[in-house]
mmCIF file of all heavy atoms, coordinates in Angstrom:
data_MODEL
# 
_entry.id   MODEL 
# 
loop_
_atom_site.group_PDB 
_atom_site.id 
_atom_site.type_symbol 
_atom_site.label_atom_id 
_atom_site.label_alt_id 
_atom_site.label_comp_id 
_atom_site.label_asym_id 
_atom_site.label_entity_id 
_atom_site.label_seq_id 
_atom_site.pdbx_PDB_ins_code 
_atom_site.Cartn_x 
_atom_site.Cartn_y 
_atom_site.Cartn_z 
_atom_site.occupancy 
_atom_site.B_iso_or_equiv 
_atom_site.pdbx_formal_charge 
_atom_site.auth_seq_id 
_atom_site.auth_comp_id 
_atom_site.auth_asym_id 
_atom_site.auth_atom_id 
_atom_site.pdbx_PDB_model_num 
ATOM 1   N N   . SER A 1 1  ? -36.985 55.746 -48.937 1.00 0.00 ? 1  SER A N   1 
ATOM 2   C CA  . SER A 1 1  ? -36.690 55.642 -50.399 1.00 0.00 ? 1  SER A CA  1 
ATOM 3   C C   . SER A 1 1  ? -35.398 56.268 -50.763 1.00 0.00 ? 1  SER A C   1 
ATOM 4   O O   . SER A 1 1  ? -34.872 56.016 -51.912 1.00 0.00 ? 1  SER A O   1 
ATOM 5   C CB  . SER A 1 1  ? -37.793 56.265 -51.204 1.00 0.00 ? 1  SER A CB  1 
ATOM 6   O OG  . SER A 1 1  ? -37.833 57.679 -50.919 1.00 0.00 ? 1  SER A OG  1 
ATOM 7   N N   . ARG A 1 2  ? -34.670 56.986 -49.939 1.00 0.00 ? 2  ARG A N   1 
ATOM 8   C CA  . ARG A 1 2  ? -33.462 57.734 -50.330 1.00 0.00 ? 2  ARG A CA  1 
ATOM 9   C C   . ARG A 1 2  ? -32.300 56.799 -50.637 1.00 0.00 ? 2  ARG A C   1 
ATOM 10  O O   . ARG A 1 2  ? -31.611 56.877 -51.665 1.00 0.00 ? 2  ARG A O   1 
ATOM 11  C CB  . ARG A 1 2  ? -32.998 58.723 -49.258 1.00 0.00 ? 2  ARG A CB  1 
ATOM 12  C CG  . ARG A 1 2  ? -33.968 59.913 -49.070 1.00 0.00 ? 2  ARG A CG  1 
ATOM 13  C CD  . ARG A 1 2  ? -33.506 60.918 -48.110 1.00 0.00 ? 2  ARG A CD  1 
ATOM 14  N NE  . ARG A 1 2  ? -34.385 62.049 -47.979 1.00 0.00 ? 2  ARG A NE  1 
ATOM 15  C CZ  . ARG A 1 2  ? -34.431 63.066 -48.840 1.00 0.00 ? 2  ARG A CZ  1 
ATOM 16  N NH1 . ARG A 1 2  ? -33.575 63.109 -49.720 1.00 0.00 ? 2  ARG A NH1 1 
ATOM 17  N NH2 . ARG A 1 2  ? -35.275 64.042 -48.561 1.00 0.00 ? 2  ARG A NH2 1 
ATOM 18  N N   . PRO A 1 3  ? -32.112 55.713 -49.812 1.00 0.00 ? 3  PRO A N   1 
ATOM 19  C CA  . PRO A 1 3  ? -31.050 54.744 -50.218 1.00 0.00 ? 3  PRO A CA  1 
ATOM 20  C C   . PRO A 1 3  ? -31.366 53.968 -51.528 1.00 0.00 ? 3  PRO A C   1 
ATOM 21  O O   . PRO A 1 3  ? -30.374 53.734 -52.304 1.00 0.00 ? 3  PRO A O   1 
ATOM 22  C CB  . PRO A 1 3  ? -31.088 53.699 -49.070 1.00 0.00 ? 3  PRO A CB  1 
ATOM 23  C CG  . PRO A 1 3  ? -31.677 54.518 -47.925 1.00 0.00 ? 3  PRO A CG  1 
ATOM 24  C CD  . PRO A 1 3  ? -32.628 55.393 -48.473 1.00 0.00 ? 3  PRO A CD  1 
ATOM 25  N N   . LEU A 1 4  ? -32.614 53.847 -51.854 1.00 0.00 ? 4  LEU A N   1 
ATOM 26  C CA  . LEU A 1 4  ? -32.894 53.146 -53.136 1.00 0.00 ? 4  LEU A CA  1 
ATOM 27  C C   . LEU A 1 4  ? -32.653 54.102 -54.270 1.00 0.00 ? 4  LEU A C   1 
ATOM 28  O O   . LEU A 1 4  ? -32.110 53.676 -55.306 1.00 0.00 ? 4  LEU A O   1 
ATOM 29  C CB  . LEU A 1 4  ? -34.383 52.732 -53.106 1.00 0.00 ? 4  LEU A CB  1 
ATOM 30  C CG  . LEU A 1 4  ? -34.884 52.020 -54.314 1.00 0.00 ? 4  LEU A CG  1 
ATOM 31  C CD1 . LEU A 1 4  ? -34.140 50.673 -54.570 1.00 0.00 ? 4  LEU A CD1 1 
ATOM 32  C CD2 . LEU A 1 4  ? -36.375 51.690 -54.305 1.00 0.00 ? 4  LEU A CD2 1 
ATOM 33  N N   . VAL A 1 5  ? -32.963 55.402 -54.115 1.00 0.00 ? 5  VAL A N   1 
ATOM 34  C CA  . VAL A 1 5  ? -32.720 56.342 -55.106 1.00 0.00 ? 5  VAL A CA  1 
ATOM 35  C C   . VAL A 1 5  ? -31.174 56.497 -55.351 1.00 0.00 ? 5  VAL A C   1 
ATOM 36  O O   . VAL A 1 5  ? -30.652 56.546 -56.555 1.00 0.00 ? 5  VAL A O   1 
ATOM 37  C CB  . VAL A 1 5  ? -33.284 57.762 -54.719 1.00 0.00 ? 5  VAL A CB  1 
ATOM 38  C CG1 . VAL A 1 5  ? -32.767 58.761 -55.705 1.00 0.00 ? 5  VAL A CG1 1 
ATOM 39  C CG2 . VAL A 1 5  ? -34.760 57.589 -54.742 1.00 0.00 ? 5  VAL A CG2 1 
ATOM 40  N N   . ALA A 1 6  ? -30.354 56.457 -54.317 1.00 0.00 ? 6  ALA A N   1 
ATOM 41  C CA  . ALA A 1 6  ? -28.970 56.479 -54.468 1.00 0.00 ? 6  ALA A CA  1 
ATOM 42  C C   . ALA A 1 6  ? -28.355 55.366 -55.239 1.00 0.00 ? 6  ALA A C   1 
ATOM 43  O O   . ALA A 1 6  ? -27.481 55.461 -56.048 1.00 0.00 ? 6  ALA A O   1 
ATOM 44  C CB  . ALA A 1 6  ? -28.302 56.557 -53.064 1.00 0.00 ? 6  ALA A CB  1 
ATOM 45  N N   . ILE A 1 7  ? -28.997 54.137 -54.994 1.00 0.00 ? 7  ILE A N   1 
ATOM 46  C CA  . ILE A 1 7  ? -28.546 52.917 -55.716 1.00 0.00 ? 7  ILE A CA  1 
ATOM 47  C C   . ILE A 1 7  ? -28.894 53.149 -57.252 1.00 0.00 ? 7  ILE A C   1 
ATOM 48  O O   . ILE A 1 7  ? -28.124 52.730 -58.084 1.00 0.00 ? 7  ILE A O   1 
ATOM 49  C CB  . ILE A 1 7  ? -29.256 51.640 -55.081 1.00 0.00 ? 7  ILE A CB  1 
ATOM 50  C CG1 . ILE A 1 7  ? -28.622 51.401 -53.719 1.00 0.00 ? 7  ILE A CG1 1 
ATOM 51  C CG2 . ILE A 1 7  ? -29.028 50.466 -56.005 1.00 0.00 ? 7  ILE A CG2 1 
ATOM 52  C CD1 . ILE A 1 7  ? -29.368 50.277 -53.037 1.00 0.00 ? 7  ILE A CD1 1 
ATOM 53  N N   . TRP A 1 8  ? -30.130 53.598 -57.536 1.00 0.00 ? 8  TRP A N   1 
ATOM 54  C CA  . TRP A 1 8  ? -30.457 53.848 -58.888 1.00 0.00 ? 8  TRP A CA  1 
ATOM 55  C C   . TRP A 1 8  ? -29.486 54.594 -59.650 1.00 0.00 ? 8  TRP A C   1 
ATOM 56  O O   . TRP A 1 8  ? -29.104 54.296 -60.786 1.00 0.00 ? 8  TRP A O   1 
ATOM 57  C CB  . TRP A 1 8  ? -31.853 54.606 -58.946 1.00 0.00 ? 8  TRP A CB  1 
ATOM 58  C CG  . TRP A 1 8  ? -33.047 53.681 -58.506 1.00 0.00 ? 8  TRP A CG  1 
ATOM 59  C CD1 . TRP A 1 8  ? -33.066 52.347 -58.276 1.00 0.00 ? 8  TRP A CD1 1 
ATOM 60  C CD2 . TRP A 1 8  ? -34.327 54.172 -58.289 1.00 0.00 ? 8  TRP A CD2 1 
ATOM 61  N NE1 . TRP A 1 8  ? -34.304 51.965 -57.948 1.00 0.00 ? 8  TRP A NE1 1 
ATOM 62  C CE2 . TRP A 1 8  ? -35.116 53.038 -57.903 1.00 0.00 ? 8  TRP A CE2 1 
ATOM 63  C CE3 . TRP A 1 8  ? -34.898 55.418 -58.320 1.00 0.00 ? 8  TRP A CE3 1 
ATOM 64  C CZ2 . TRP A 1 8  ? -36.465 53.094 -57.637 1.00 0.00 ? 8  TRP A CZ2 1 
ATOM 65  C CZ3 . TRP A 1 8  ? -36.310 55.510 -58.019 1.00 0.00 ? 8  TRP A CZ3 1 
ATOM 66  C CH2 . TRP A 1 8  ? -37.033 54.366 -57.666 1.00 0.00 ? 8  TRP A CH2 1 
ATOM 67  N N   . PHE A 1 9  ? -28.998 55.761 -59.037 1.00 0.00 ? 9  PHE A N   1 
ATOM 68  C CA  . PHE A 1 9  ? -28.061 56.616 -59.730 1.00 0.00 ? 9  PHE A CA  1 
ATOM 69  C C   . PHE A 1 9  ? -26.600 56.153 -59.702 1.00 0.00 ? 9  PHE A C   1 
ATOM 70  O O   . PHE A 1 9  ? -25.767 56.602 -60.383 1.00 0.00 ? 9  PHE A O   1 
ATOM 71  C CB  . PHE A 1 9  ? -28.121 58.038 -59.166 1.00 0.00 ? 9  PHE A CB  1 
ATOM 72  C CG  . PHE A 1 9  ? -29.373 58.806 -59.689 1.00 0.00 ? 9  PHE A CG  1 
ATOM 73  C CD1 . PHE A 1 9  ? -30.528 58.709 -58.943 1.00 0.00 ? 9  PHE A CD1 1 
ATOM 74  C CD2 . PHE A 1 9  ? -29.356 59.597 -60.823 1.00 0.00 ? 9  PHE A CD2 1 
ATOM 75  C CE1 . PHE A 1 9  ? -31.681 59.459 -59.357 1.00 0.00 ? 9  PHE A CE1 1 
ATOM 76  C CE2 . PHE A 1 9  ? -30.473 60.226 -61.271 1.00 0.00 ? 9  PHE A CE2 1 
ATOM 77  C CZ  . PHE A 1 9  ? -31.701 60.172 -60.522 1.00 0.00 ? 9  PHE A CZ  1 
ATOM 78  N N   . THR A 1 10 ? -26.327 55.266 -58.781 1.00 0.00 ? 10 THR A N   1 
ATOM 79  C CA  . THR A 1 10 ? -24.994 54.675 -58.695 1.00 0.00 ? 10 THR A CA  1 
ATOM 80  C C   . THR A 1 10 ? -24.737 53.780 -59.894 1.00 0.00 ? 10 THR A C   1 
ATOM 81  O O   . THR A 1 10 ? -23.536 53.759 -60.371 1.00 0.00 ? 10 THR A O   1 
ATOM 82  C CB  . THR A 1 10 ? -24.837 53.808 -57.446 1.00 0.00 ? 10 THR A CB  1 
ATOM 83  O OG1 . THR A 1 10 ? -25.072 54.652 -56.260 1.00 0.00 ? 10 THR A OG1 1 
ATOM 84  C CG2 . THR A 1 10 ? -23.443 53.236 -57.346 1.00 0.00 ? 10 THR A CG2 1 
ATOM 85  N N   . LEU A 1 11 ? -25.721 53.110 -60.469 1.00 0.00 ? 11 LEU A N   1 
ATOM 86  C CA  . LEU A 1 11 ? -25.513 52.248 -61.561 1.00 0.00 ? 11 LEU A CA  1 
ATOM 87  C C   . LEU A 1 11 ? -24.997 52.995 -62.852 1.00 0.00 ? 11 LEU A C   1 
ATOM 88  O O   . LEU A 1 11 ? -24.023 52.552 -63.392 1.00 0.00 ? 11 LEU A O   1 
ATOM 89  C CB  . LEU A 1 11 ? -26.799 51.440 -61.860 1.00 0.00 ? 11 LEU A CB  1 
ATOM 90  C CG  . LEU A 1 11 ? -27.233 50.485 -60.751 1.00 0.00 ? 11 LEU A CG  1 
ATOM 91  C CD1 . LEU A 1 11 ? -28.562 49.824 -61.124 1.00 0.00 ? 11 LEU A CD1 1 
ATOM 92  C CD2 . LEU A 1 11 ? -26.170 49.451 -60.522 1.00 0.00 ? 11 LEU A CD2 1 
ATOM 93  N N   . PRO A 1 12 ? -25.636 54.119 -63.278 1.00 0.00 ? 12 PRO A N   1 
ATOM 94  C CA  . PRO A 1 12 ? -25.139 54.816 -64.415 1.00 0.00 ? 12 PRO A CA  1 
ATOM 95  C C   . PRO A 1 12 ? -23.681 55.346 -64.106 1.00 0.00 ? 12 PRO A C   1 
ATOM 96  O O   . PRO A 1 12 ? -22.834 55.551 -64.954 1.00 0.00 ? 12 PRO A O   1 
ATOM 97  C CB  . PRO A 1 12 ? -26.125 55.810 -64.811 1.00 0.00 ? 12 PRO A CB  1 
ATOM 98  C CG  . PRO A 1 12 ? -26.940 55.978 -63.549 1.00 0.00 ? 12 PRO A CG  1 
ATOM 99  C CD  . PRO A 1 12 ? -26.901 54.579 -62.900 1.00 0.00 ? 12 PRO A CD  1 
ATOM 100 N N   . LEU A 1 13 ? -23.493 55.811 -62.871 1.00 0.00 ? 13 LEU A N   1 
ATOM 101 C CA  . LEU A 1 13 ? -22.239 56.390 -62.475 1.00 0.00 ? 13 LEU A CA  1 
ATOM 102 C C   . LEU A 1 13 ? -21.085 55.260 -62.591 1.00 0.00 ? 13 LEU A C   1 
ATOM 103 O O   . LEU A 1 13 ? -20.017 55.488 -63.136 1.00 0.00 ? 13 LEU A O   1 
ATOM 104 C CB  . LEU A 1 13 ? -22.323 56.938 -61.061 1.00 0.00 ? 13 LEU A CB  1 
ATOM 105 C CG  . LEU A 1 13 ? -20.998 57.567 -60.537 1.00 0.00 ? 13 LEU A CG  1 
ATOM 106 C CD1 . LEU A 1 13 ? -20.595 58.760 -61.433 1.00 0.00 ? 13 LEU A CD1 1 
ATOM 107 C CD2 . LEU A 1 13 ? -21.156 57.965 -59.090 1.00 0.00 ? 13 LEU A CD2 1 
ATOM 108 N N   . ILE A 1 14 ? -21.445 54.085 -62.159 1.00 0.00 ? 14 ILE A N   1 
ATOM 109 C CA  . ILE A 1 14 ? -20.467 53.033 -62.317 1.00 0.00 ? 14 ILE A CA  1 
ATOM 110 C C   . ILE A 1 14 ? -20.203 52.708 -63.699 1.00 0.00 ? 14 ILE A C   1 
ATOM 111 O O   . ILE A 1 14 ? -19.021 52.408 -64.115 1.00 0.00 ? 14 ILE A O   1 
ATOM 112 C CB  . ILE A 1 14 ? -20.981 51.728 -61.530 1.00 0.00 ? 14 ILE A CB  1 
ATOM 113 C CG1 . ILE A 1 14 ? -21.088 51.915 -60.052 1.00 0.00 ? 14 ILE A CG1 1 
ATOM 114 C CG2 . ILE A 1 14 ? -20.205 50.458 -61.969 1.00 0.00 ? 14 ILE A CG2 1 
ATOM 115 C CD1 . ILE A 1 14 ? -21.655 50.764 -59.254 1.00 0.00 ? 14 ILE A CD1 1 
ATOM 116 N N   . LEU A 1 15 ? -21.200 52.743 -64.628 1.00 0.00 ? 15 LEU A N   1 
ATOM 117 C CA  . LEU A 1 15 ? -20.998 52.546 -65.963 1.00 0.00 ? 15 LEU A CA  1 
ATOM 118 C C   . LEU A 1 15 ? -20.059 53.541 -66.635 1.00 0.00 ? 15 LEU A C   1 
ATOM 119 O O   . LEU A 1 15 ? -19.026 53.146 -67.323 1.00 0.00 ? 15 LEU A O   1 
ATOM 120 C CB  . LEU A 1 15 ? -22.311 52.678 -66.768 1.00 0.00 ? 15 LEU A CB  1 
ATOM 121 C CG  . LEU A 1 15 ? -22.282 52.544 -68.326 1.00 0.00 ? 15 LEU A CG  1 
ATOM 122 C CD1 . LEU A 1 15 ? -21.735 51.211 -68.783 1.00 0.00 ? 15 LEU A CD1 1 
ATOM 123 C CD2 . LEU A 1 15 ? -23.626 52.788 -68.925 1.00 0.00 ? 15 LEU A CD2 1 
ATOM 124 N N   . THR A 1 16 ? -20.179 54.801 -66.405 1.00 0.00 ? 16 THR A N   1 
ATOM 125 C CA  . THR A 1 16 ? -19.294 55.895 -66.966 1.00 0.00 ? 16 THR A CA  1 
ATOM 126 C C   . THR A 1 16 ? -17.858 55.770 -66.364 1.00 0.00 ? 16 THR A C   1 
ATOM 127 O O   . THR A 1 16 ? -16.949 55.804 -67.169 1.00 0.00 ? 16 THR A O   1 
ATOM 128 C CB  . THR A 1 16 ? -19.806 57.277 -66.574 1.00 0.00 ? 16 THR A CB  1 
ATOM 129 O OG1 . THR A 1 16 ? -20.021 57.356 -65.125 1.00 0.00 ? 16 THR A OG1 1 
ATOM 130 C CG2 . THR A 1 16 ? -21.175 57.560 -67.287 1.00 0.00 ? 16 THR A CG2 1 
ATOM 131 N N   . LEU A 1 17 ? -17.767 55.496 -65.077 1.00 0.00 ? 17 LEU A N   1 
ATOM 132 C CA  . LEU A 1 17 ? -16.377 55.378 -64.470 1.00 0.00 ? 17 LEU A CA  1 
ATOM 133 C C   . LEU A 1 17 ? -15.663 54.098 -64.991 1.00 0.00 ? 17 LEU A C   1 
ATOM 134 O O   . LEU A 1 17 ? -14.486 54.163 -65.224 1.00 0.00 ? 17 LEU A O   1 
ATOM 135 C CB  . LEU A 1 17 ? -16.466 55.360 -62.946 1.00 0.00 ? 17 LEU A CB  1 
ATOM 136 C CG  . LEU A 1 17 ? -17.104 56.693 -62.267 1.00 0.00 ? 17 LEU A CG  1 
ATOM 137 C CD1 . LEU A 1 17 ? -17.060 56.561 -60.769 1.00 0.00 ? 17 LEU A CD1 1 
ATOM 138 C CD2 . LEU A 1 17 ? -16.191 57.896 -62.668 1.00 0.00 ? 17 LEU A CD2 1 
ATOM 139 N N   . SER A 1 18 ? -16.400 53.037 -65.168 1.00 0.00 ? 18 SER A N   1 
ATOM 140 C CA  . SER A 1 18 ? -15.774 51.781 -65.606 1.00 0.00 ? 18 SER A CA  1 
ATOM 141 C C   . SER A 1 18 ? -15.353 52.050 -67.039 1.00 0.00 ? 18 SER A C   1 
ATOM 142 O O   . SER A 1 18 ? -14.300 51.531 -67.530 1.00 0.00 ? 18 SER A O   1 
ATOM 143 C CB  . SER A 1 18 ? -16.786 50.672 -65.653 1.00 0.00 ? 18 SER A CB  1 
ATOM 144 O OG  . SER A 1 18 ? -17.189 50.451 -64.219 1.00 0.00 ? 18 SER A OG  1 
ATOM 145 N N   . CYS A 1 19 ? -16.100 52.667 -67.868 1.00 0.00 ? 19 CYS A N   1 
ATOM 146 C CA  . CYS A 1 19 ? -15.765 52.924 -69.289 1.00 0.00 ? 19 CYS A CA  1 
ATOM 147 C C   . CYS A 1 19 ? -14.511 53.852 -69.381 1.00 0.00 ? 19 CYS A C   1 
ATOM 148 O O   . CYS A 1 19 ? -13.691 53.541 -70.202 1.00 0.00 ? 19 CYS A O   1 
ATOM 149 C CB  . CYS A 1 19 ? -16.967 53.563 -69.980 1.00 0.00 ? 19 CYS A CB  1 
ATOM 150 S SG  . CYS A 1 19 ? -16.863 53.630 -71.765 1.00 0.00 ? 19 CYS A SG  1 
ATOM 151 N N   . LEU A 1 20 ? -14.431 54.788 -68.502 1.00 0.00 ? 20 LEU A N   1 
ATOM 152 C CA  . LEU A 1 20 ? -13.149 55.669 -68.508 1.00 0.00 ? 20 LEU A CA  1 
ATOM 153 C C   . LEU A 1 20 ? -12.002 54.847 -68.049 1.00 0.00 ? 20 LEU A C   1 
ATOM 154 O O   . LEU A 1 20 ? -10.916 54.960 -68.647 1.00 0.00 ? 20 LEU A O   1 
ATOM 155 C CB  . LEU A 1 20 ? -13.463 56.782 -67.480 1.00 0.00 ? 20 LEU A CB  1 
ATOM 156 C CG  . LEU A 1 20 ? -14.343 57.931 -67.961 1.00 0.00 ? 20 LEU A CG  1 
ATOM 157 C CD1 . LEU A 1 20 ? -14.580 58.903 -66.845 1.00 0.00 ? 20 LEU A CD1 1 
ATOM 158 C CD2 . LEU A 1 20 ? -13.849 58.615 -69.209 1.00 0.00 ? 20 LEU A CD2 1 
ATOM 159 N N   . ALA A 1 21 ? -12.213 53.880 -67.040 1.00 0.00 ? 21 ALA A N   1 
ATOM 160 C CA  . ALA A 1 21 ? -11.098 53.121 -66.665 1.00 0.00 ? 21 ALA A CA  1 
ATOM 161 C C   . ALA A 1 21 ? -10.497 52.206 -67.754 1.00 0.00 ? 21 ALA A C   1 
ATOM 162 O O   . ALA A 1 21 ? -9.335  51.975 -67.903 1.00 0.00 ? 21 ALA A O   1 
ATOM 163 C CB  . ALA A 1 21 ? -11.446 52.303 -65.375 1.00 0.00 ? 21 ALA A CB  1 
ATOM 164 N N   . ILE A 1 22 ? -11.490 51.538 -68.426 1.00 0.00 ? 22 ILE A N   1 
ATOM 165 C CA  . ILE A 1 22 ? -11.107 50.679 -69.479 1.00 0.00 ? 22 ILE A CA  1 
ATOM 166 C C   . ILE A 1 22 ? -10.448 51.392 -70.638 1.00 0.00 ? 22 ILE A C   1 
ATOM 167 O O   . ILE A 1 22 ? -9.431  50.881 -71.173 1.00 0.00 ? 22 ILE A O   1 
ATOM 168 C CB  . ILE A 1 22 ? -12.326 49.882 -69.983 1.00 0.00 ? 22 ILE A CB  1 
ATOM 169 C CG1 . ILE A 1 22 ? -12.998 48.985 -68.870 1.00 0.00 ? 22 ILE A CG1 1 
ATOM 170 C CG2 . ILE A 1 22 ? -12.083 49.084 -71.228 1.00 0.00 ? 22 ILE A CG2 1 
ATOM 171 C CD1 . ILE A 1 22 ? -14.258 48.381 -69.208 1.00 0.00 ? 22 ILE A CD1 1 
ATOM 172 N N   . ALA A 1 23 ? -10.995 52.553 -70.930 1.00 0.00 ? 23 ALA A N   1 
ATOM 173 C CA  . ALA A 1 23 ? -10.380 53.409 -72.055 1.00 0.00 ? 23 ALA A CA  1 
ATOM 174 C C   . ALA A 1 23 ? -8.942  53.730 -71.696 1.00 0.00 ? 23 ALA A C   1 
ATOM 175 O O   . ALA A 1 23 ? -8.019  53.719 -72.581 1.00 0.00 ? 23 ALA A O   1 
ATOM 176 C CB  . ALA A 1 23 ? -11.192 54.613 -72.305 1.00 0.00 ? 23 ALA A CB  1 
ATOM 177 N N   . ARG A 1 24 ? -8.712  54.083 -70.390 1.00 0.00 ? 24 ARG A N   1 
ATOM 178 C CA  . ARG A 1 24 ? -7.278  54.562 -70.052 1.00 0.00 ? 24 ARG A CA  1 
ATOM 179 C C   . ARG A 1 24 ? -6.357  53.355 -70.098 1.00 0.00 ? 24 ARG A C   1 
ATOM 180 O O   . ARG A 1 24 ? -5.181  53.524 -70.468 1.00 0.00 ? 24 ARG A O   1 
ATOM 181 C CB  . ARG A 1 24 ? -7.362  55.034 -68.603 1.00 0.00 ? 24 ARG A CB  1 
ATOM 182 C CG  . ARG A 1 24 ? -6.083  55.497 -68.025 1.00 0.00 ? 24 ARG A CG  1 
ATOM 183 C CD  . ARG A 1 24 ? -6.101  56.070 -66.689 1.00 0.00 ? 24 ARG A CD  1 
ATOM 184 N NE  . ARG A 1 24 ? -4.941  56.640 -66.173 1.00 0.00 ? 24 ARG A NE  1 
ATOM 185 C CZ  . ARG A 1 24 ? -4.542  57.896 -66.430 1.00 0.00 ? 24 ARG A CZ  1 
ATOM 186 N NH1 . ARG A 1 24 ? -5.300  58.676 -67.127 1.00 0.00 ? 24 ARG A NH1 1 
ATOM 187 N NH2 . ARG A 1 24 ? -3.444  58.357 -65.982 1.00 0.00 ? 24 ARG A NH2 1 
ATOM 188 N N   . ILE A 1 25 ? -6.913  52.135 -69.906 1.00 0.00 ? 25 ILE A N   1 
ATOM 189 C CA  . ILE A 1 25 ? -5.966  50.884 -69.997 1.00 0.00 ? 25 ILE A CA  1 
ATOM 190 C C   . ILE A 1 25 ? -5.785  50.370 -71.449 1.00 0.00 ? 25 ILE A C   1 
ATOM 191 O O   . ILE A 1 25 ? -4.726  50.086 -71.858 1.00 0.00 ? 25 ILE A O   1 
ATOM 192 C CB  . ILE A 1 25 ? -6.545  49.800 -69.086 1.00 0.00 ? 25 ILE A CB  1 
ATOM 193 C CG1 . ILE A 1 25 ? -6.504  50.294 -67.614 1.00 0.00 ? 25 ILE A CG1 1 
ATOM 194 C CG2 . ILE A 1 25 ? -5.743  48.546 -69.189 1.00 0.00 ? 25 ILE A CG2 1 
ATOM 195 C CD1 . ILE A 1 25 ? -7.205  49.309 -66.751 1.00 0.00 ? 25 ILE A CD1 1 
ATOM 196 N N   . GLU A 1 26 ? -6.875  50.322 -72.224 1.00 0.00 ? 26 GLU A N   1 
ATOM 197 C CA  . GLU A 1 26 ? -6.963  49.659 -73.483 1.00 0.00 ? 26 GLU A CA  1 
ATOM 198 C C   . GLU A 1 26 ? -6.667  50.507 -74.638 1.00 0.00 ? 26 GLU A C   1 
ATOM 199 O O   . GLU A 1 26 ? -6.058  50.043 -75.599 1.00 0.00 ? 26 GLU A O   1 
ATOM 200 C CB  . GLU A 1 26 ? -8.394  49.014 -73.613 1.00 0.00 ? 26 GLU A CB  1 
ATOM 201 C CG  . GLU A 1 26 ? -8.722  47.933 -72.583 1.00 0.00 ? 26 GLU A CG  1 
ATOM 202 C CD  . GLU A 1 26 ? -7.673  46.732 -72.708 1.00 0.00 ? 26 GLU A CD  1 
ATOM 203 O OE1 . GLU A 1 26 ? -7.212  46.488 -73.817 1.00 0.00 ? 26 GLU A OE1 1 
ATOM 204 O OE2 . GLU A 1 26 ? -7.551  46.032 -71.723 1.00 0.00 ? 26 GLU A OE2 1 
ATOM 205 N N   . VAL A 1 27 ? -6.970  51.794 -74.615 1.00 0.00 ? 27 VAL A N   1 
ATOM 206 C CA  . VAL A 1 27 ? -6.806  52.576 -75.797 1.00 0.00 ? 27 VAL A CA  1 
ATOM 207 C C   . VAL A 1 27 ? -5.374  52.850 -75.984 1.00 0.00 ? 27 VAL A C   1 
ATOM 208 O O   . VAL A 1 27 ? -4.573  53.194 -75.012 1.00 0.00 ? 27 VAL A O   1 
ATOM 209 C CB  . VAL A 1 27 ? -7.570  53.957 -75.691 1.00 0.00 ? 27 VAL A CB  1 
ATOM 210 C CG1 . VAL A 1 27 ? -7.251  54.793 -76.836 1.00 0.00 ? 27 VAL A CG1 1 
ATOM 211 C CG2 . VAL A 1 27 ? -9.050  53.568 -75.627 1.00 0.00 ? 27 VAL A CG2 1 
ATOM 212 N N   . HIS A 1 28 ? -4.767  52.761 -77.250 1.00 0.00 ? 28 HIS A N   1 
ATOM 213 C CA  . HIS A 1 28 ? -3.379  52.963 -77.512 1.00 0.00 ? 28 HIS A CA  1 
ATOM 214 C C   . HIS A 1 28 ? -2.931  54.382 -77.104 1.00 0.00 ? 28 HIS A C   1 
ATOM 215 O O   . HIS A 1 28 ? -3.624  55.341 -77.341 1.00 0.00 ? 28 HIS A O   1 
ATOM 216 C CB  . HIS A 1 28 ? -3.117  52.739 -78.991 1.00 0.00 ? 28 HIS A CB  1 
ATOM 217 C CG  . HIS A 1 28 ? -3.108  51.272 -79.349 1.00 0.00 ? 28 HIS A CG  1 
ATOM 218 N ND1 . HIS A 1 28 ? -2.320  50.332 -78.830 1.00 0.00 ? 28 HIS A ND1 1 
ATOM 219 C CD2 . HIS A 1 28 ? -3.910  50.617 -80.267 1.00 0.00 ? 28 HIS A CD2 1 
ATOM 220 C CE1 . HIS A 1 28 ? -2.552  49.132 -79.345 1.00 0.00 ? 28 HIS A CE1 1 
ATOM 221 N NE2 . HIS A 1 28 ? -3.472  49.347 -80.304 1.00 0.00 ? 28 HIS A NE2 1 
ATOM 222 N N   . PRO A 1 29 ? -1.777  54.468 -76.565 1.00 0.00 ? 29 PRO A N   1 
ATOM 223 C CA  . PRO A 1 29 ? -1.237  55.821 -76.178 1.00 0.00 ? 29 PRO A CA  1 
ATOM 224 C C   . PRO A 1 29 ? -0.598  56.505 -77.459 1.00 0.00 ? 29 PRO A C   1 
ATOM 225 O O   . PRO A 1 29 ? 0.596   56.647 -77.565 1.00 0.00 ? 29 PRO A O   1 
ATOM 226 C CB  . PRO A 1 29 ? -0.145  55.413 -75.164 1.00 0.00 ? 29 PRO A CB  1 
ATOM 227 C CG  . PRO A 1 29 ? 0.321   54.060 -75.574 1.00 0.00 ? 29 PRO A CG  1 
ATOM 228 C CD  . PRO A 1 29 ? -0.902  53.427 -76.150 1.00 0.00 ? 29 PRO A CD  1 
ATOM 229 N N   . TYR A 1 30 ? -1.534  56.898 -78.333 1.00 0.00 ? 30 TYR A N   1 
ATOM 230 C CA  . TYR A 1 30 ? -1.063  57.577 -79.549 1.00 0.00 ? 30 TYR A CA  1 
ATOM 231 C C   . TYR A 1 30 ? -0.304  58.860 -79.219 1.00 0.00 ? 30 TYR A C   1 
ATOM 232 O O   . TYR A 1 30 ? -0.695  59.592 -78.333 1.00 0.00 ? 30 TYR A O   1 
ATOM 233 C CB  . TYR A 1 30 ? -2.190  57.896 -80.469 1.00 0.00 ? 30 TYR A CB  1 
ATOM 234 C CG  . TYR A 1 30 ? -2.915  56.558 -81.100 1.00 0.00 ? 30 TYR A CG  1 
ATOM 235 C CD1 . TYR A 1 30 ? -4.140  56.250 -80.761 1.00 0.00 ? 30 TYR A CD1 1 
ATOM 236 C CD2 . TYR A 1 30 ? -2.186  55.778 -81.920 1.00 0.00 ? 30 TYR A CD2 1 
ATOM 237 C CE1 . TYR A 1 30 ? -4.786  55.195 -81.284 1.00 0.00 ? 30 TYR A CE1 1 
ATOM 238 C CE2 . TYR A 1 30 ? -2.720  54.697 -82.486 1.00 0.00 ? 30 TYR A CE2 1 
ATOM 239 C CZ  . TYR A 1 30 ? -4.029  54.363 -82.113 1.00 0.00 ? 30 TYR A CZ  1 
ATOM 240 O OH  . TYR A 1 30 ? -4.641  53.251 -82.647 1.00 0.00 ? 30 TYR A OH  1 
# 
């Protein structure tokens, strides 16, 4: 079950990292 648990927690981690990457590209450099 350990690989399955790792996959479960990888999904919210991908969400946060993707959000940070998009913000770095899209948000105006005020």
